[in-house]
Amino acid sequence: LRSDTDVEELADVDPALREAFTSGSAPVHDRSRLPAVYADAPN
């Protein structure tokens, strides 16, 4: 589930690479072991 792309955050990254820096987790990922603060963090 992809997060919104922060254009300023990725300003120095080629547009063709930006999707690699904006993905969320997939349904198969077990997020229960992660810190709660990661819920809305860039992935």
All heavy atoms as atom14 arrays in JSON, in Angstrom:
{
  "sequence": "LRSDTDVEELADVDPALREAFTSGSAPVHDRSRLPAVYADAPN",
  "atom14_mask": [
    [1, 1, 1, 1, 1, 1, 1, 1, 0, 0, 0, 0, 0, 0],
    [1, 1, 1, 1, 1, 1, 1, 1, 1, 1, 1, 0, 0, 0],
    [1, 1, 1, 1, 1, 1, 0, 0, 0, 0, 0, 0, 0, 0],
    [1, 1, 1, 1, 1, 1, 1, 1, 0, 0, 0, 0, 0, 0],
    [1, 1, 1, 1, 1, 1, 1, 0, 0, 0, 0, 0, 0, 0],
    [1, 1, 1, 1, 1, 1, 1, 1, 0, 0, 0, 0, 0, 0],
    [1, 1, 1, 1, 1, 1, 1, 0, 0, 0, 0, 0, 0, 0],
    [1, 1, 1, 1, 1, 1, 1, 1, 1, 0, 0, 0, 0, 0],
    [1, 1, 1, 1, 1, 1, 1, 1, 1, 0, 0, 0, 0, 0],
    [1, 1, 1, 1, 1, 1, 1, 1, 0, 0, 0, 0, 0, 0],
    [1, 1, 1, 1, 1, 0, 0, 0, 0, 0, 0, 0, 0, 0],
    [1, 1, 1, 1, 1, 1, 1, 1, 0, 0, 0, 0, 0, 0],
    [1, 1, 1, 1, 1, 1, 1, 0, 0, 0, 0, 0, 0, 0],
    [1, 1, 1, 1, 1, 1, 1, 1, 0, 0, 0, 0, 0, 0],
    [1, 1, 1, 1, 1, 1, 1, 0, 0, 0, 0, 0, 0, 0],
    [1, 1, 1, 1, 1, 0, 0, 0, 0, 0, 0, 0, 0, 0],
    [1, 1, 1, 1, 1, 1, 1, 1, 0, 0, 0, 0, 0, 0],
    [1, 1, 1, 1, 1, 1, 1, 1, 1, 1, 1, 0, 0, 0],
    [1, 1, 1, 1, 1, 1, 1, 1, 1, 0, 0, 0, 0, 0],
    [1, 1, 1, 1, 1, 0, 0, 0, 0, 0, 0, 0, 0, 0],
    [1, 1, 1, 1, 1, 1, 1, 1, 1, 1, 1, 0, 0, 0],
    [1, 1, 1, 1, 1, 1, 1, 0, 0, 0, 0, 0, 0, 0],
    [1, 1, 1, 1, 1, 1, 0, 0, 0, 0, 0, 0, 0, 0],
    [1, 1, 1, 1, 0, 0, 0, 0, 0, 0, 0, 0, 0, 0],
    [1, 1, 1, 1, 1, 1, 0, 0, 0, 0, 0, 0, 0, 0],
    [1, 1, 1, 1, 1, 0, 0, 0, 0, 0, 0, 0, 0, 0],
    [1, 1, 1, 1, 1, 1, 1, 0, 0, 0, 0, 0, 0, 0],
    [1, 1, 1, 1, 1, 1, 1, 0, 0, 0, 0, 0, 0, 0],
    [1, 1, 1, 1, 1, 1, 1, 1, 1, 1, 0, 0, 0, 0],
    [1, 1, 1, 1, 1, 1, 1, 1, 0, 0, 0, 0, 0, 0],
    [1, 1, 1, 1, 1, 1, 1, 1, 1, 1, 1, 0, 0, 0],
    [1, 1, 1, 1, 1, 1, 0, 0, 0, 0, 0, 0, 0, 0],
    [1, 1, 1, 1, 1, 1, 1, 1, 1, 1, 1, 0, 0, 0],
    [1, 1, 1, 1, 1, 1, 1, 1, 0, 0, 0, 0, 0, 0],
    [1, 1, 1, 1, 1, 1, 1, 0, 0, 0, 0, 0, 0, 0],
    [1, 1, 1, 1, 1, 0, 0, 0, 0, 0, 0, 0, 0, 0],
    [1, 1, 1, 1, 1, 1, 1, 0, 0, 0, 0, 0, 0, 0],
    [1, 1, 1, 1, 1, 1, 1, 1, 1, 1, 1, 1, 0, 0],
    [1, 1, 1, 1, 1, 0, 0, 0, 0, 0, 0, 0, 0, 0],
    [1, 1, 1, 1, 1, 1, 1, 1, 0, 0, 0, 0, 0, 0],
    [1, 1, 1, 1, 1, 0, 0, 0, 0, 0, 0, 0, 0, 0],
    [1, 1, 1, 1, 1, 1, 1, 0, 0, 0, 0, 0, 0, 0],
    [1, 1, 1, 1, 1, 1, 1, 1, 0, 0, 0, 0, 0, 0]
  ],
  "atom14_positions": [
    [[0.87, -1.17, 0.0], [0.0, 0.0, 0.0], [0.9, 1.22, 0.0], [1.54, 1.55, 1.01], [-0.91, -0.01, 1.24], [-1.81, -1.25, 1.35], [-2.56, -1.23, 2.68], [-2.77, -1.32, 0.18], [0.0, 0.0, 0.0], [0.0, 0.0, 0.0], [0.0, 0.0, 0.0], [0.0, 0.0, 0.0], [0.0, 0.0, 0.0], [0.0, 0.0, 0.0]],
    [[1.0, 1.88, -1.14], [1.97, 2.96, -1.3], [1.56, 4.21, -0.55], [0.4, 4.59, -0.52], [2.18, 3.27, -2.78], [2.81, 2.12, -3.53], [3.35, 2.53, -4.88], [4.01, 1.4, -5.52], [5.26, 1.05, -5.29], [5.99, 1.75, -4.45], [5.79, 0.01, -5.89], [0.0, 0.0, 0.0], [0.0, 0.0, 0.0], [0.0, 0.0, 0.0]],
    [[2.56, 4.87, 0.04], [2.34, 6.15, 0.7], [2.41, 7.27, -0.33], [2.89, 7.09, -1.44], [3.4, 6.36, 1.79], [4.7, 6.31, 1.24], [0.0, 0.0, 0.0], [0.0, 0.0, 0.0], [0.0, 0.0, 0.0], [0.0, 0.0, 0.0], [0.0, 0.0, 0.0], [0.0, 0.0, 0.0], [0.0, 0.0, 0.0], [0.0, 0.0, 0.0]],
    [[1.92, 8.45, 0.06], [2.01, 9.59, -0.84], [3.47, 10.01, -1.0], [4.24, 10.02, -0.05], [1.21, 10.77, -0.28], [-0.28, 10.47, -0.26], [-0.72, 9.67, -1.09], [-0.99, 11.05, 0.59], [0.0, 0.0, 0.0], [0.0, 0.0, 0.0], [0.0, 0.0, 0.0], [0.0, 0.0, 0.0], [0.0, 0.0, 0.0], [0.0, 0.0, 0.0]],
    [[3.84, 10.35, -2.21], [5.2, 10.78, -2.48], [5.4, 12.22, -2.02], [4.65, 13.1, -2.42], [5.53, 10.69, -3.98], [5.34, 9.34, -4.4], [6.95, 11.12, -4.26], [0.0, 0.0, 0.0], [0.0, 0.0, 0.0], [0.0, 0.0, 0.0], [0.0, 0.0, 0.0], [0.0, 0.0, 0.0], [0.0, 0.0, 0.0], [0.0, 0.0, 0.0]],
    [[6.36, 12.44, -1.15], [6.73, 13.78, -0.72], [7.77, 14.3, -1.71], [8.92, 13.87, -1.7], [7.3, 13.74, 0.7], [7.62, 15.12, 1.26], [7.87, 16.04, 0.46], [7.62, 15.28, 2.49], [0.0, 0.0, 0.0], [0.0, 0.0, 0.0], [0.0, 0.0, 0.0], [0.0, 0.0, 0.0], [0.0, 0.0, 0.0], [0.0, 0.0, 0.0]],
    [[7.34, 15.2, -2.59], [8.22, 15.67, -3.65], [9.49, 16.3, -3.09], [10.59, 16.1, -3.59], [7.47, 16.66, -4.57], [8.43, 17.22, -5.62], [6.29, 15.98, -5.24], [0.0, 0.0, 0.0], [0.0, 0.0, 0.0], [0.0, 0.0, 0.0], [0.0, 0.0, 0.0], [0.0, 0.0, 0.0], [0.0, 0.0, 0.0], [0.0, 0.0, 0.0]],
    [[9.34, 17.07, -2.01], [10.51, 17.71, -1.4], [11.46, 16.67, -0.83], [12.69, 16.76, -0.96], [10.07, 18.68, -0.31], [11.23, 19.43, 0.34], [10.77, 20.39, 1.42], [9.54, 20.57, 1.57], [11.63, 20.94, 2.12], [0.0, 0.0, 0.0], [0.0, 0.0, 0.0], [0.0, 0.0, 0.0], [0.0, 0.0, 0.0], [0.0, 0.0, 0.0]],
    [[10.91, 15.66, -0.19], [11.71, 14.59, 0.4], [12.56, 13.87, -0.66], [13.7, 13.47, -0.39], [10.77, 13.58, 1.08], [11.45, 12.37, 1.66], [11.94, 12.56, 3.08], [11.65, 13.61, 3.67], [12.63, 11.66, 3.58], [0.0, 0.0, 0.0], [0.0, 0.0, 0.0], [0.0, 0.0, 0.0], [0.0, 0.0, 0.0], [0.0, 0.0, 0.0]],
    [[12.0, 13.72, -1.86], [12.67, 12.95, -2.92], [13.17, 13.83, -4.05], [13.35, 13.36, -5.17], [11.7, 11.9, -3.47], [11.16, 10.88, -2.45], [10.12, 9.99, -3.09], [12.28, 10.06, -1.85], [0.0, 0.0, 0.0], [0.0, 0.0, 0.0], [0.0, 0.0, 0.0], [0.0, 0.0, 0.0], [0.0, 0.0, 0.0], [0.0, 0.0, 0.0]],
    [[13.42, 15.08, -3.76], [13.78, 16.03, -4.81], [15.03, 15.63, -5.57], [15.15, 15.91, -6.77], [13.94, 17.43, -4.22], [0.0, 0.0, 0.0], [0.0, 0.0, 0.0], [0.0, 0.0, 0.0], [0.0, 0.0, 0.0], [0.0, 0.0, 0.0], [0.0, 0.0, 0.0], [0.0, 0.0, 0.0], [0.0, 0.0, 0.0], [0.0, 0.0, 0.0]],
    [[15.99, 14.99, -4.9], [17.24, 14.63, -5.56], [17.24, 13.19, -6.09], [18.27, 12.68, -6.5], [18.44, 14.85, -4.64], [18.33, 14.07, -3.33], [17.33, 13.34, -3.17], [19.23, 14.21, -2.49], [0.0, 0.0, 0.0], [0.0, 0.0, 0.0], [0.0, 0.0, 0.0], [0.0, 0.0, 0.0], [0.0, 0.0, 0.0], [0.0, 0.0, 0.0]],
    [[16.08, 12.53, -6.08], [15.95, 11.17, -6.58], [15.26, 11.2, -7.93], [14.22, 11.85, -8.09], [15.14, 10.29, -5.59], [14.96, 8.89, -6.17], [15.83, 10.23, -4.24], [0.0, 0.0, 0.0], [0.0, 0.0, 0.0], [0.0, 0.0, 0.0], [0.0, 0.0, 0.0], [0.0, 0.0, 0.0], [0.0, 0.0, 0.0], [0.0, 0.0, 0.0]],
    [[15.84, 10.51, -8.91], [15.24, 10.47, -10.24], [13.8, 9.95, -10.15], [13.52, 9.02, -9.4], [16.06, 9.55, -11.14], [15.61, 9.59, -12.58], [14.69, 8.81, -12.92], [16.15, 10.4, -13.36], [0.0, 0.0, 0.0], [0.0, 0.0, 0.0], [0.0, 0.0, 0.0], [0.0, 0.0, 0.0], [0.0, 0.0, 0.0], [0.0, 0.0, 0.0]],
    [[12.87, 10.56, -10.91], [11.47, 10.11, -10.85], [11.29, 8.62, -11.08], [10.39, 7.99, -10.51], [10.8, 10.93, -11.96], [11.61, 12.19, -12.03], [13.03, 11.76, -11.76], [0.0, 0.0, 0.0], [0.0, 0.0, 0.0], [0.0, 0.0, 0.0], [0.0, 0.0, 0.0], [0.0, 0.0, 0.0], [0.0, 0.0, 0.0], [0.0, 0.0, 0.0]],
    [[12.16, 8.01, -11.89], [12.04, 6.58, -12.17], [12.35, 5.71, -10.96], [11.99, 4.54, -10.91], [12.96, 6.19, -13.32], [0.0, 0.0, 0.0], [0.0, 0.0, 0.0], [0.0, 0.0, 0.0], [0.0, 0.0, 0.0], [0.0, 0.0, 0.0], [0.0, 0.0, 0.0], [0.0, 0.0, 0.0], [0.0, 0.0, 0.0], [0.0, 0.0, 0.0]],
    [[13.03, 6.29, -9.95], [13.39, 5.54, -8.75], [12.48, 5.83, -7.56], [12.56, 5.16, -6.53], [14.84, 5.86, -8.34], [15.93, 5.43, -9.3], [17.29, 5.92, -8.79], [15.95, 3.92, -9.48], [0.0, 0.0, 0.0], [0.0, 0.0, 0.0], [0.0, 0.0, 0.0], [0.0, 0.0, 0.0], [0.0, 0.0, 0.0], [0.0, 0.0, 0.0]],
    [[11.59, 6.81, -7.69], [10.85, 7.27, -6.51], [9.89, 6.24, -5.95], [9.68, 6.19, -4.73], [10.12, 8.57, -6.85], [11.08, 9.74, -6.97], [10.4, 11.04, -7.35], [11.4, 12.1, -7.54], [11.12, 13.3, -8.01], [9.86, 13.61, -8.33], [12.07, 14.19, -8.16], [0.0, 0.0, 0.0], [0.0, 0.0, 0.0], [0.0, 0.0, 0.0]],
    [[9.31, 5.39, -6.81], [8.38, 4.39, -6.29], [9.08, 3.44, -5.33], [8.46, 2.91, -4.4], [7.72, 3.63, -7.43], [6.68, 4.45, -8.19], [5.73, 3.58, -9.0], [5.19, 2.62, -8.44], [5.54, 3.89, -10.18], [0.0, 0.0, 0.0], [0.0, 0.0, 0.0], [0.0, 0.0, 0.0], [0.0, 0.0, 0.0], [0.0, 0.0, 0.0]],
    [[10.37, 3.21, -5.53], [11.11, 2.32, -4.63], [11.22, 2.89, -3.22], [11.44, 2.17, -2.26], [12.51, 2.05, -5.18], [0.0, 0.0, 0.0], [0.0, 0.0, 0.0], [0.0, 0.0, 0.0], [0.0, 0.0, 0.0], [0.0, 0.0, 0.0], [0.0, 0.0, 0.0], [0.0, 0.0, 0.0], [0.0, 0.0, 0.0], [0.0, 0.0, 0.0]],
    [[11.04, 4.23, -3.1], [11.17, 4.88, -1.8], [9.82, 5.26, -1.19], [9.78, 5.95, -0.18], [12.02, 6.15, -1.94], [13.47, 5.86, -2.26], [13.89, 5.72, -3.58], [14.4, 5.71, -1.25], [15.21, 5.45, -3.87], [15.72, 5.44, -1.54], [16.14, 5.31, -2.86], [0.0, 0.0, 0.0], [0.0, 0.0, 0.0], [0.0, 0.0, 0.0]],
    [[8.73, 4.83, -1.8], [7.42, 5.25, -1.32], [6.47, 4.08, -1.09], [5.26, 4.28, -0.97], [6.76, 6.23, -2.32], [6.68, 5.62, -3.61], [7.56, 7.51, -2.42], [0.0, 0.0, 0.0], [0.0, 0.0, 0.0], [0.0, 0.0, 0.0], [0.0, 0.0, 0.0], [0.0, 0.0, 0.0], [0.0, 0.0, 0.0], [0.0, 0.0, 0.0]],
    [[6.98, 2.86, -1.02], [6.08, 1.73, -0.81], [5.72, 1.61, 0.66], [6.5, 1.94, 1.54], [6.75, 0.43, -1.28], [7.81, 0.09, -0.43], [0.0, 0.0, 0.0], [0.0, 0.0, 0.0], [0.0, 0.0, 0.0], [0.0, 0.0, 0.0], [0.0, 0.0, 0.0], [0.0, 0.0, 0.0], [0.0, 0.0, 0.0], [0.0, 0.0, 0.0]],
    [[4.51, 1.12, 0.89], [4.13, 0.73, 2.23], [4.37, -0.75, 2.4], [5.05, -1.38, 1.59], [0.0, 0.0, 0.0], [0.0, 0.0, 0.0], [0.0, 0.0, 0.0], [0.0, 0.0, 0.0], [0.0, 0.0, 0.0], [0.0, 0.0, 0.0], [0.0, 0.0, 0.0], [0.0, 0.0, 0.0], [0.0, 0.0, 0.0], [0.0, 0.0, 0.0]],
    [[3.8, -1.35, 3.43], [3.93, -2.79, 3.64], [2.87, -3.54, 2.85], [1.83, -2.99, 2.49], [3.79, -3.11, 5.13], [4.85, -2.54, 5.86], [0.0, 0.0, 0.0], [0.0, 0.0, 0.0], [0.0, 0.0, 0.0], [0.0, 0.0, 0.0], [0.0, 0.0, 0.0], [0.0, 0.0, 0.0], [0.0, 0.0, 0.0], [0.0, 0.0, 0.0]],
    [[3.15, -4.8, 2.56], [2.21, -5.67, 1.85], [1.42, -6.49, 2.86], [1.82, -6.62, 4.03], [2.98, -6.58, 0.9], [0.0, 0.0, 0.0], [0.0, 0.0, 0.0], [0.0, 0.0, 0.0], [0.0, 0.0, 0.0], [0.0, 0.0, 0.0], [0.0, 0.0, 0.0], [0.0, 0.0, 0.0], [0.0, 0.0, 0.0], [0.0, 0.0, 0.0]],
    [[0.31, -7.08, 2.45], [-0.5, -7.89, 3.37], [0.26, -9.04, 4.02], [-0.09, -9.45, 5.14], [-1.63, -8.41, 2.46], [-1.79, -7.34, 1.43], [-0.39, -6.85, 1.16], [0.0, 0.0, 0.0], [0.0, 0.0, 0.0], [0.0, 0.0, 0.0], [0.0, 0.0, 0.0], [0.0, 0.0, 0.0], [0.0, 0.0, 0.0], [0.0, 0.0, 0.0]],
    [[1.29, -9.58, 3.38], [2.01, -10.7, 3.99], [2.96, -10.26, 5.11], [3.46, -11.09, 5.85], [2.83, -11.49, 2.93], [1.91, -12.06, 1.86], [3.9, -10.63, 2.3], [0.0, 0.0, 0.0], [0.0, 0.0, 0.0], [0.0, 0.0, 0.0], [0.0, 0.0, 0.0], [0.0, 0.0, 0.0], [0.0, 0.0, 0.0], [0.0, 0.0, 0.0]],
    [[3.2, -8.97, 5.24], [4.11, -8.49, 6.27], [3.44, -8.48, 7.64], [2.33, -7.96, 7.78], [4.6, -7.07, 5.94], [5.6, -7.0, 4.84], [5.49, -6.12, 3.78], [6.73, -7.71, 4.62], [6.52, -6.29, 2.97], [7.28, -7.25, 3.45], [0.0, 0.0, 0.0], [0.0, 0.0, 0.0], [0.0, 0.0, 0.0], [0.0, 0.0, 0.0]],
    [[4.13, -9.0, 8.63], [3.66, -8.96, 10.02], [4.24, -7.71, 10.67], [5.4, -7.68, 11.07], [4.11, -10.21, 10.76], [3.7, -10.19, 12.24], [2.96, -9.27, 12.65], [4.16, -11.09, 12.98], [0.0, 0.0, 0.0], [0.0, 0.0, 0.0], [0.0, 0.0, 0.0], [0.0, 0.0, 0.0], [0.0, 0.0, 0.0], [0.0, 0.0, 0.0]],
    [[3.43, -6.67, 10.77], [3.91, -5.4, 11.33], [3.81, -5.34, 12.84], [4.19, -4.34, 13.45], [3.13, -4.24, 10.71], [3.37, -4.06, 9.21], [2.72, -2.77, 8.7], [3.18, -1.62, 9.44], [4.3, -0.94, 9.2], [5.09, -1.33, 8.2], [4.65, 0.11, 9.93], [0.0, 0.0, 0.0], [0.0, 0.0, 0.0], [0.0, 0.0, 0.0]],
    [[3.33, -6.4, 13.48], [3.12, -6.35, 14.93], [4.42, -6.19, 15.7], [4.41, -5.71, 16.84], [2.4, -7.62, 15.39], [3.2, -8.78, 15.17], [0.0, 0.0, 0.0], [0.0, 0.0, 0.0], [0.0, 0.0, 0.0], [0.0, 0.0, 0.0], [0.0, 0.0, 0.0], [0.0, 0.0, 0.0], [0.0, 0.0, 0.0], [0.0, 0.0, 0.0]],
    [[5.55, -6.57, 15.08], [6.83, -6.49, 15.8], [7.51, -5.12, 15.66], [8.57, -4.9, 16.24], [7.79, -7.58, 15.32], [7.96, -7.83, 13.81], [8.69, -6.84, 12.98], [10.04, -6.59, 13.33], [11.11, -7.17, 12.76], [10.96, -8.01, 11.78], [12.33, -6.82, 13.12], [0.0, 0.0, 0.0], [0.0, 0.0, 0.0], [0.0, 0.0, 0.0]],
    [[6.93, -4.2, 14.88], [7.56, -2.91, 14.62], [7.18, -1.86, 15.66], [6.11, -1.93, 16.26], [7.15, -2.41, 13.23], [7.61, -3.25, 12.04], [6.97, -2.73, 10.76], [9.12, -3.26, 11.92], [0.0, 0.0, 0.0], [0.0, 0.0, 0.0], [0.0, 0.0, 0.0], [0.0, 0.0, 0.0], [0.0, 0.0, 0.0], [0.0, 0.0, 0.0]],
    [[8.04, -0.85, 15.86], [7.66, 0.25, 16.76], [6.39, 0.94, 16.27], [6.19, 1.11, 15.07], [8.87, 1.2, 16.67], [9.99, 0.37, 16.15], [9.37, -0.67, 15.27], [0.0, 0.0, 0.0], [0.0, 0.0, 0.0], [0.0, 0.0, 0.0], [0.0, 0.0, 0.0], [0.0, 0.0, 0.0], [0.0, 0.0, 0.0], [0.0, 0.0, 0.0]],
    [[5.55, 1.36, 17.2], [4.3, 2.01, 16.83], [4.54, 3.26, 16.0], [3.73, 3.6, 15.13], [3.51, 2.35, 18.1], [0.0, 0.0, 0.0], [0.0, 0.0, 0.0], [0.0, 0.0, 0.0], [0.0, 0.0, 0.0], [0.0, 0.0, 0.0], [0.0, 0.0, 0.0], [0.0, 0.0, 0.0], [0.0, 0.0, 0.0], [0.0, 0.0, 0.0]],
    [[5.66, 3.96, 16.24], [5.94, 5.2, 15.52], [6.21, 4.96, 14.04], [6.23, 5.91, 13.25], [7.13, 5.96, 16.13], [6.79, 6.49, 17.5], [8.38, 5.07, 16.18], [0.0, 0.0, 0.0], [0.0, 0.0, 0.0], [0.0, 0.0, 0.0], [0.0, 0.0, 0.0], [0.0, 0.0, 0.0], [0.0, 0.0, 0.0], [0.0, 0.0, 0.0]],
    [[6.4, 3.71, 13.64], [6.63, 3.41, 12.23], [5.34, 3.36, 11.41], [5.38, 3.24, 10.18], [7.37, 2.07, 12.07], [8.87, 2.15, 12.26], [9.46, 3.29, 12.83], [9.7, 1.11, 11.89], [10.83, 3.36, 13.01], [11.07, 1.17, 12.07], [11.63, 2.29, 12.63], [12.99, 2.37, 12.81], [0.0, 0.0, 0.0], [0.0, 0.0, 0.0]],
    [[4.2, 3.43, 12.06], [2.92, 3.26, 11.37], [2.77, 4.22, 10.21], [2.26, 3.85, 9.14], [1.77, 3.42, 12.35], [0.0, 0.0, 0.0], [0.0, 0.0, 0.0], [0.0, 0.0, 0.0], [0.0, 0.0, 0.0], [0.0, 0.0, 0.0], [0.0, 0.0, 0.0], [0.0, 0.0, 0.0], [0.0, 0.0, 0.0], [0.0, 0.0, 0.0]],
    [[3.18, 5.46, 10.39], [3.04, 6.48, 9.35], [4.39, 6.94, 8.82], [4.48, 7.98, 8.16], [2.26, 7.69, 9.89], [0.86, 7.32, 10.32], [0.18, 6.62, 9.55], [0.45, 7.72, 11.42], [0.0, 0.0, 0.0], [0.0, 0.0, 0.0], [0.0, 0.0, 0.0], [0.0, 0.0, 0.0], [0.0, 0.0, 0.0], [0.0, 0.0, 0.0]],
    [[5.44, 6.17, 9.09], [6.79, 6.57, 8.67], [7.03, 6.17, 7.22], [6.43, 5.22, 6.71], [7.83, 5.9, 9.56], [0.0, 0.0, 0.0], [0.0, 0.0, 0.0], [0.0, 0.0, 0.0], [0.0, 0.0, 0.0], [0.0, 0.0, 0.0], [0.0, 0.0, 0.0], [0.0, 0.0, 0.0], [0.0, 0.0, 0.0], [0.0, 0.0, 0.0]],
    [[7.9, 6.91, 6.52], [8.22, 6.54, 5.13], [8.81, 5.14, 5.06], [9.52, 4.7, 5.96], [9.23, 7.61, 4.7], [9.78, 8.16, 5.98], [8.67, 8.07, 6.98], [0.0, 0.0, 0.0], [0.0, 0.0, 0.0], [0.0, 0.0, 0.0], [0.0, 0.0, 0.0], [0.0, 0.0, 0.0], [0.0, 0.0, 0.0], [0.0, 0.0, 0.0]],
    [[8.49, 4.44, 3.99], [8.94, 3.07, 3.81], [9.51, 2.96, 2.4], [9.53, 3.95, 1.66], [7.77, 2.1, 4.01], [8.2, 0.72, 4.46], [9.35, 0.32, 4.29], [7.28, -0.03, 5.03], [0.0, 0.0, 0.0], [0.0, 0.0, 0.0], [0.0, 0.0, 0.0], [0.0, 0.0, 0.0], [0.0, 0.0, 0.0], [0.0, 0.0, 0.0]]
  ]
}
